[in-house]
Amino acid sequence: MNFVEWFLTFIYKIKTFPLIIQITIVLTMTFIIATLALMITIYTIRRRHNRMQKTLENSVPEIVKLFDDILFTDKNYNEQEIFTKFEDIVDEVNRESLDIGVGVLVDFKNNHRESEKYPLIISALGIVEHLERKFDSRSNSEKIDAFQEAFVLDLNKFDSKILRYAYSKNKLIRSEARNSHLALSSNDPYRFFDEFDRNLSKWDEIELMQYLLLQKDRGNLEGLGKWINYSKNDSLVVFLIKMVGFFKQKGINDILMEKLEDDNALVRAEAILTMGELNISETEQGLIERYYTEPEICQVAIVKTIKKFNSGKSLSFLEEIFNDSNNIDTKKIIAEAILNYSYEGKIAFQNLKNTLKGFDLTILQHVETPLIKYK
């Protein structure tokens, strides 16, 4: 009996069953056939996708070689030549192949391989339009990728599009959008500083510092004193004071002096450290006078700042607080300051070694030779 005869017999038998059973059998068979068709379709799509991904991954070395040739040699390419050569490598210029291409450019940028020809590749492959589609994607991960890629490739054309997501209900999207706005905008890039409503994580600080560095490279880094004055977020204030020291911003002495009276010890400590970074040495005597009224974190900051000033005026003070301190770690920091406090400091350090005994002597020996343990 062939399949056709079997099938006709099966249909004939079904007709002898009650109507409800006939309907059930037909629906079941339809479901089975549809499921099998769906599985075959999914398998085919996945196989094609995996094959394409493997092809793209294998093409990365060729893409790297092509981009390296365009960016870092004296050869001249026009946009059509770049597009054609890229298409020859990847077979088809589409979302997946452009993602691979963008990834290669991002790696070049992250490795500080600079060239004036990046815009040529970006224009030839339509990377701006590609990132615009990613910004409009329903996938949050694609949006975040677009924020980060636009930042690394220094594409400030997305200012208005990024701003649209700066008030997103999704916290991650909102954070990435505001950070990207800081990096890419030339129009009030710091507008969101006063909207930080939480403590900054270390990762937040790393990202913000990257974006501020980009603004500095462009010559757009503004004075941060305004935000130190007005922000109610102590975590942000501490970070911005640290950045003032890092970027050596001037004209902020009065603001730092005001922050010495802040209720938050972390803010006071960072203001003291930044005075050292900016070498505001006229504050040295005032810092000495407030040493004994401050908590340990501020005391350590005062010692580090006096060490930075290295004026030669505070050696006796450093010796005094070394003898008075009961905290092992603080003693170690003070001893390091004495040892590095000009030639007179080295002499004072040796005198302390000759007069002290026990654990204090072990601390001095550790500072001089770190291999000697003091704990």
Protein backbone atom coordinates (compact mmCIF):
# COMPACT_ATOMS: atom_id res chain seq x y z
CA MET A 1 0.00 0.00 0.00
CA ASN A 2 1.54 3.28 -1.04
CA PHE A 3 1.28 6.53 0.92
CA VAL A 4 -1.60 7.92 -1.18
CA GLU A 5 -3.75 4.82 -0.62
CA TRP A 6 -2.92 4.85 3.09
CA PHE A 7 -3.80 8.54 3.34
CA LEU A 8 -7.14 8.08 1.52
CA THR A 9 -7.98 5.14 3.77
CA PHE A 10 -7.11 7.24 6.82
CA ILE A 11 -9.39 10.05 5.61
CA TYR A 12 -12.21 7.56 4.98
CA LYS A 13 -11.88 6.17 8.51
CA ILE A 14 -11.91 9.67 9.99
CA LYS A 15 -15.24 10.35 8.30
CA THR A 16 -16.78 7.46 10.22
CA PHE A 17 -15.91 9.14 13.56
CA PRO A 18 -18.18 11.64 15.37
CA LEU A 19 -17.77 15.26 14.25
CA ILE A 20 -16.02 16.42 17.43
CA ILE A 21 -13.37 13.69 17.05
CA GLN A 22 -12.91 14.58 13.37
CA ILE A 23 -12.30 18.22 14.31
CA THR A 24 -9.87 17.19 17.08
CA ILE A 25 -7.87 14.94 14.72
CA VAL A 26 -7.69 17.64 12.04
CA LEU A 27 -6.55 20.31 14.54
CA THR A 28 -3.96 17.96 16.05
CA MET A 29 -2.54 17.08 12.65
CA THR A 30 -2.49 20.75 11.66
CA PHE A 31 -0.64 21.61 14.89
CA ILE A 32 1.92 18.82 14.33
CA ILE A 33 2.53 19.87 10.72
CA ALA A 34 2.83 23.58 11.73
CA THR A 35 5.24 22.70 14.56
CA LEU A 36 7.43 20.65 12.26
CA ALA A 37 7.42 23.43 9.67
CA LEU A 38 8.34 26.00 12.35
CA MET A 39 11.18 23.82 13.66
CA ILE A 40 12.56 23.33 10.16
CA THR A 41 12.30 27.09 9.49
CA ILE A 42 14.04 27.99 12.78
CA TYR A 43 16.75 25.41 12.14
CA THR A 44 17.31 26.79 8.63
CA ILE A 45 17.45 30.41 9.85
CA ARG A 46 19.80 29.57 12.72
CA ARG A 47 22.06 27.54 10.46
CA ARG A 48 22.20 30.37 7.93
CA HIS A 49 22.83 32.91 10.72
CA ASN A 50 25.59 30.80 12.31
CA ARG A 51 27.20 30.28 8.93
CA MET A 52 27.08 34.02 8.27
CA GLN A 53 28.49 34.83 11.74
CA LYS A 54 31.32 32.36 11.20
CA THR A 55 32.05 33.94 7.83
CA LEU A 56 32.07 37.41 9.41
CA GLU A 57 34.31 36.29 12.27
CA ASN A 58 36.73 34.75 9.81
CA SER A 59 36.72 38.02 7.86
CA VAL A 60 37.84 40.14 10.83
CA PRO A 61 41.59 39.87 10.02
CA GLU A 62 40.88 41.05 6.46
CA ILE A 63 38.75 43.95 7.75
CA VAL A 64 41.52 44.91 10.18
CA LYS A 65 44.04 44.80 7.32
CA LEU A 66 41.79 46.92 5.07
CA PHE A 67 41.09 49.56 7.77
CA ASP A 68 44.78 49.59 8.77
CA ASP A 69 45.68 50.23 5.14
CA ILE A 70 43.18 53.08 4.85
CA LEU A 71 43.95 54.76 8.18
CA PHE A 72 47.65 54.33 8.74
CA THR A 73 49.30 54.34 5.33
CA ASP A 74 49.77 57.02 2.68
CA LYS A 75 47.45 55.23 0.24
CA ASN A 76 44.47 57.24 -0.97
CA TYR A 77 41.02 55.65 -1.07
CA ASN A 78 37.71 57.19 -2.06
CA GLU A 79 34.44 56.23 -0.39
CA GLN A 80 33.29 53.95 -3.22
CA GLU A 81 36.55 51.99 -3.13
CA ILE A 82 36.25 51.51 0.62
CA PHE A 83 32.66 50.32 0.34
CA THR A 84 33.48 47.91 -2.51
CA LYS A 85 36.51 46.41 -0.76
CA PHE A 86 34.53 46.01 2.48
CA GLU A 87 31.65 44.39 0.58
CA ASP A 88 34.06 41.98 -1.13
CA ILE A 89 35.28 40.85 2.30
CA VAL A 90 31.89 40.43 4.04
CA ASP A 91 29.77 39.46 0.98
CA GLU A 92 26.93 41.75 2.06
CA VAL A 93 26.98 45.11 3.86
CA ASN A 94 24.24 44.71 6.46
CA ARG A 95 23.64 45.19 10.18
CA GLU A 96 25.83 42.27 11.22
CA SER A 97 28.78 43.13 8.98
CA LEU A 98 28.61 46.81 9.98
CA ASP A 99 28.66 45.78 13.65
CA ILE A 100 31.89 43.89 12.95
CA GLY A 101 33.34 46.91 11.13
CA VAL A 102 32.37 49.32 13.92
CA GLY A 103 33.93 46.91 16.44
CA VAL A 104 37.24 47.04 14.58
CA LEU A 105 37.20 50.87 14.53
CA VAL A 106 36.35 50.98 18.24
CA ASP A 107 39.29 48.65 19.00
CA PHE A 108 41.61 50.95 17.02
CA LYS A 109 40.36 53.96 18.98
CA ASN A 110 40.61 52.20 22.34
CA ASN A 111 44.22 51.31 21.50
CA HIS A 112 44.87 55.03 20.85
CA ARG A 113 45.60 54.51 17.15
CA GLU A 114 44.87 57.98 15.88
CA SER A 115 44.26 59.00 12.28
CA GLU A 116 42.49 61.82 10.45
CA LYS A 117 40.83 59.29 8.11
CA TYR A 118 38.29 57.76 10.49
CA PRO A 119 35.51 60.02 9.09
CA LEU A 120 36.28 58.65 5.60
CA ILE A 121 35.46 55.06 6.64
CA ILE A 122 32.49 56.20 8.73
CA SER A 123 31.02 58.05 5.75
CA ALA A 124 31.84 55.34 3.18
CA LEU A 125 30.10 52.57 5.16
CA GLY A 126 27.18 54.68 6.39
CA ILE A 127 28.09 54.06 10.02
CA VAL A 128 26.22 57.15 11.23
CA GLU A 129 22.98 55.81 9.71
CA HIS A 130 23.78 52.36 11.13
CA LEU A 131 24.11 53.79 14.67
CA GLU A 132 20.91 55.80 14.19
CA ARG A 133 19.07 52.55 13.53
CA LYS A 134 20.58 51.08 16.69
CA PHE A 135 19.44 54.13 18.68
CA ASP A 136 15.90 53.52 17.38
CA SER A 137 16.03 49.79 18.13
CA ARG A 138 13.65 48.25 20.67
CA SER A 139 16.61 46.43 22.20
CA ASN A 140 18.12 48.25 25.19
CA SER A 141 21.43 46.47 24.68
CA GLU A 142 21.64 47.82 21.12
CA LYS A 143 20.90 51.35 22.37
CA ILE A 144 23.67 51.06 24.98
CA ASP A 145 26.07 49.75 22.32
CA ALA A 146 25.19 52.75 20.17
CA PHE A 147 25.84 55.19 23.04
CA GLN A 148 29.26 53.67 23.71
CA GLU A 149 30.26 53.37 20.04
CA ALA A 150 29.23 56.96 19.33
CA PHE A 151 31.35 58.07 22.30
CA VAL A 152 34.47 56.12 21.28
CA LEU A 153 34.19 57.20 17.63
CA ASP A 154 33.59 60.81 18.75
CA LEU A 155 30.36 61.19 16.75
CA ASN A 156 28.70 64.29 18.18
CA LYS A 157 26.00 64.25 15.50
CA PHE A 158 23.77 62.30 17.89
CA ASP A 159 23.39 65.06 20.47
CA SER A 160 19.62 65.48 20.01
CA LYS A 161 18.98 61.73 19.70
CA ILE A 162 20.94 61.00 22.91
CA LEU A 163 19.10 63.79 24.70
CA ARG A 164 15.82 62.02 23.90
CA TYR A 165 16.87 59.11 26.08
CA ALA A 166 18.23 61.25 28.91
CA TYR A 167 14.82 61.06 30.65
CA SER A 168 14.14 57.39 29.91
CA LYS A 169 12.36 55.40 32.61
CA ASN A 170 15.04 52.74 32.24
CA LYS A 171 17.80 53.73 34.69
CA LEU A 172 20.60 52.13 32.68
CA ILE A 173 19.53 53.81 29.43
CA ARG A 174 19.07 57.14 31.24
CA SER A 175 22.54 56.92 32.81
CA GLU A 176 24.27 55.98 29.54
CA ALA A 177 22.45 58.73 27.66
CA ARG A 178 23.41 61.41 30.18
CA ASN A 179 27.03 60.27 30.27
CA SER A 180 27.17 60.22 26.46
CA HIS A 181 25.62 63.70 26.36
CA LEU A 182 28.41 64.90 28.64
CA ALA A 183 31.00 63.44 26.27
CA LEU A 184 29.53 64.40 22.91
CA SER A 185 27.59 67.61 23.41
CA SER A 186 29.11 71.01 22.78
CA ASN A 187 25.90 72.66 24.04
CA ASP A 188 25.75 72.70 27.86
CA PRO A 189 27.28 69.22 28.33
CA TYR A 190 27.01 69.42 32.14
CA ARG A 191 23.27 70.02 32.22
CA PHE A 192 22.58 66.77 34.08
CA PHE A 193 25.08 67.24 36.91
CA ASP A 194 22.37 68.71 39.12
CA GLU A 195 20.07 65.74 38.45
CA PHE A 196 22.28 63.00 39.94
CA ASP A 197 20.09 61.57 42.67
CA ARG A 198 22.31 58.75 43.97
CA ASN A 199 25.83 58.04 45.13
CA LEU A 200 28.29 57.55 42.29
CA SER A 201 29.72 54.06 41.94
CA LYS A 202 33.36 53.54 41.00
CA TRP A 203 32.20 52.60 37.51
CA ASP A 204 30.20 55.87 37.29
CA GLU A 205 33.35 57.78 38.22
CA ILE A 206 35.44 55.95 35.60
CA GLU A 207 32.87 56.70 32.87
CA LEU A 208 32.48 60.36 33.87
CA MET A 209 36.24 60.79 33.95
CA GLN A 210 36.51 59.33 30.42
CA TYR A 211 33.93 61.82 29.18
CA LEU A 212 35.59 64.78 30.91
CA LEU A 213 38.91 63.75 29.34
CA LEU A 214 37.24 63.81 25.93
CA GLN A 215 35.90 67.31 26.60
CA LYS A 216 39.42 68.39 27.62
CA ASP A 217 40.91 66.92 24.43
CA ARG A 218 38.40 68.98 22.44
CA GLY A 219 39.22 72.10 24.44
CA ASN A 220 35.64 72.25 25.79
CA LEU A 221 36.30 71.40 29.44
CA GLU A 222 34.61 74.09 31.53
CA GLY A 223 35.38 75.05 35.11
CA LEU A 224 33.76 72.58 37.51
CA GLY A 225 33.55 75.02 40.42
CA LYS A 226 29.95 75.99 39.64
CA TRP A 227 28.74 72.41 40.12
CA ILE A 228 30.82 71.93 43.26
CA ASN A 229 29.06 74.97 44.70
CA TYR A 230 25.51 74.14 43.69
CA SER A 231 25.25 70.36 43.75
CA LYS A 232 23.45 68.82 46.74
CA ASN A 233 24.88 65.38 45.98
CA ASP A 234 27.95 64.94 48.20
CA SER A 235 29.14 61.96 46.16
CA LEU A 236 29.18 64.08 42.99
CA VAL A 237 30.82 67.00 44.83
CA VAL A 238 33.66 64.74 46.05
CA PHE A 239 34.20 63.44 42.51
CA LEU A 240 34.19 66.92 40.95
CA ILE A 241 36.66 68.27 43.55
CA LYS A 242 38.93 65.34 42.69
CA MET A 243 38.61 66.21 38.98
CA VAL A 244 39.52 69.84 39.67
CA GLY A 245 42.82 68.56 41.10
CA PHE A 246 43.30 66.07 38.28
CA PHE A 247 42.79 68.68 35.54
CA LYS A 248 44.65 71.37 37.54
CA GLN A 249 41.80 73.88 37.18
CA LYS A 250 42.63 77.30 38.56
CA GLY A 251 40.51 80.00 40.18
CA ILE A 252 38.80 77.64 42.58
CA ASN A 253 40.70 78.44 45.80
CA ASP A 254 37.76 80.18 47.49
CA ILE A 255 35.39 77.30 46.74
CA LEU A 256 37.85 74.79 48.23
CA MET A 257 38.22 76.96 51.33
CA GLU A 258 34.43 77.00 51.72
CA LYS A 259 34.33 73.20 51.43
CA LEU A 260 36.68 72.95 54.44
CA GLU A 261 33.62 73.90 56.52
CA ASP A 262 31.33 71.31 54.92
CA ASP A 263 29.48 68.95 57.27
CA ASN A 264 30.62 65.91 55.27
CA ALA A 265 34.13 64.74 56.20
CA LEU A 266 34.60 63.13 52.76
CA VAL A 267 34.03 66.50 51.09
CA ARG A 268 36.47 68.21 53.48
CA ALA A 269 39.11 65.52 52.93
CA GLU A 270 38.89 65.76 49.12
CA ALA A 271 39.08 69.57 49.29
CA ILE A 272 42.27 69.25 51.37
CA LEU A 273 43.82 66.75 48.93
CA THR A 274 42.98 69.00 45.97
CA MET A 275 44.69 71.93 47.68
CA GLY A 276 47.81 69.78 47.57
CA GLU A 277 47.28 68.90 43.89
CA LEU A 278 46.90 72.60 43.05
CA ASN A 279 49.77 73.60 45.36
CA ILE A 280 47.70 76.16 47.30
CA SER A 281 50.50 76.38 49.86
CA GLU A 282 49.13 79.47 51.63
CA THR A 283 46.63 77.17 53.34
CA GLU A 284 49.36 75.09 55.03
CA GLN A 285 49.26 76.78 58.43
CA GLY A 286 45.46 76.69 58.51
CA LEU A 287 45.48 72.96 57.79
CA ILE A 288 47.95 72.39 60.63
CA GLU A 289 45.74 74.32 63.04
CA ARG A 290 42.68 72.24 62.24
CA TYR A 291 44.47 68.85 62.32
CA TYR A 292 43.46 67.84 65.84
CA THR A 293 39.81 68.82 65.34
CA GLU A 294 39.33 66.65 62.26
CA PRO A 295 38.45 62.94 61.93
CA GLU A 296 41.10 60.49 60.74
CA ILE A 297 40.22 60.69 57.02
CA CYS A 298 40.82 64.46 57.06
CA GLN A 299 43.97 64.10 59.15
CA VAL A 300 45.44 61.72 56.58
CA ALA A 301 44.48 64.18 53.81
CA ILE A 302 46.26 67.00 55.68
CA VAL A 303 49.45 64.92 56.01
CA LYS A 304 49.40 64.02 52.29
CA THR A 305 48.85 67.66 51.32
CA ILE A 306 51.67 68.93 53.55
CA LYS A 307 53.89 66.29 51.95
CA LYS A 308 52.84 67.67 48.52
CA PHE A 309 53.62 71.26 49.56
CA ASN A 310 57.07 70.17 50.80
CA SER A 311 57.69 73.72 52.02
CA GLY A 312 60.09 72.74 54.81
CA LYS A 313 57.95 74.62 57.35
CA SER A 314 56.06 71.69 58.84
CA LEU A 315 58.69 69.11 59.72
CA SER A 316 58.35 69.58 63.47
CA PHE A 317 54.57 69.25 63.11
CA LEU A 318 54.94 65.94 61.26
CA GLU A 319 57.29 64.61 63.96
CA GLU A 320 54.85 65.70 66.66
CA ILE A 321 51.80 63.99 65.15
CA PHE A 322 53.82 60.83 64.45
CA ASN A 323 54.53 60.54 68.16
CA ASP A 324 50.94 61.43 69.11
CA SER A 325 49.12 59.14 66.68
CA ASN A 326 47.77 55.79 67.90
CA ASN A 327 46.66 54.56 64.46
CA ILE A 328 49.16 52.25 62.72
CA ASP A 329 48.17 53.15 59.15
CA THR A 330 48.19 56.87 59.92
CA LYS A 331 51.64 56.55 61.50
CA LYS A 332 52.90 54.85 58.34
CA ILE A 333 51.58 57.71 56.15
CA ILE A 334 53.14 60.32 58.45
CA ALA A 335 56.48 58.45 58.42
CA GLU A 336 56.42 58.39 54.60
CA ALA A 337 55.77 62.16 54.60
CA ILE A 338 58.74 62.77 56.92
CA LEU A 339 61.08 60.57 54.87
CA ASN A 340 60.16 62.43 51.66
CA TYR A 341 60.11 65.90 53.22
CA SER A 342 63.29 67.30 51.63
CA TYR A 343 66.80 66.65 52.94
CA GLU A 344 65.88 67.77 56.46
CA GLY A 345 63.09 65.20 56.47
CA LYS A 346 65.53 62.37 55.75
CA ILE A 347 67.73 63.52 58.65
CA ALA A 348 64.69 63.72 60.97
CA PHE A 349 63.63 60.24 59.85
CA GLN A 350 67.04 58.81 60.78
CA ASN A 351 66.93 60.60 64.14
CA LEU A 352 63.54 59.00 64.86
CA LYS A 353 64.96 55.58 63.96
CA ASN A 354 67.81 56.12 66.41
CA THR A 355 65.54 57.15 69.28
CA LEU A 356 62.44 54.95 68.88
CA LYS A 357 62.02 51.33 69.84
CA GLY A 358 59.46 48.57 69.51
CA PHE A 359 56.54 48.85 67.10
CA ASP A 360 57.18 52.48 66.12
CA LEU A 361 60.67 51.52 65.00
CA THR A 362 59.24 48.61 62.96
CA ILE A 363 56.92 51.06 61.15
CA LEU A 364 59.88 53.29 60.26
CA GLN A 365 61.86 50.29 59.05
CA HIS A 366 58.91 49.19 56.89
CA VAL A 367 58.58 52.66 55.35
CA GLU A 368 62.27 52.67 54.53
CA THR A 369 62.27 49.03 53.36
CA PRO A 370 58.72 47.88 52.47
CA LEU A 371 59.77 44.22 52.52
CA ILE A 372 59.89 44.49 56.31
CA LYS A 373 56.35 43.81 57.54
CA TYR A 374 54.87 46.01 60.24
CA LYS A 375 51.56 44.17 60.79
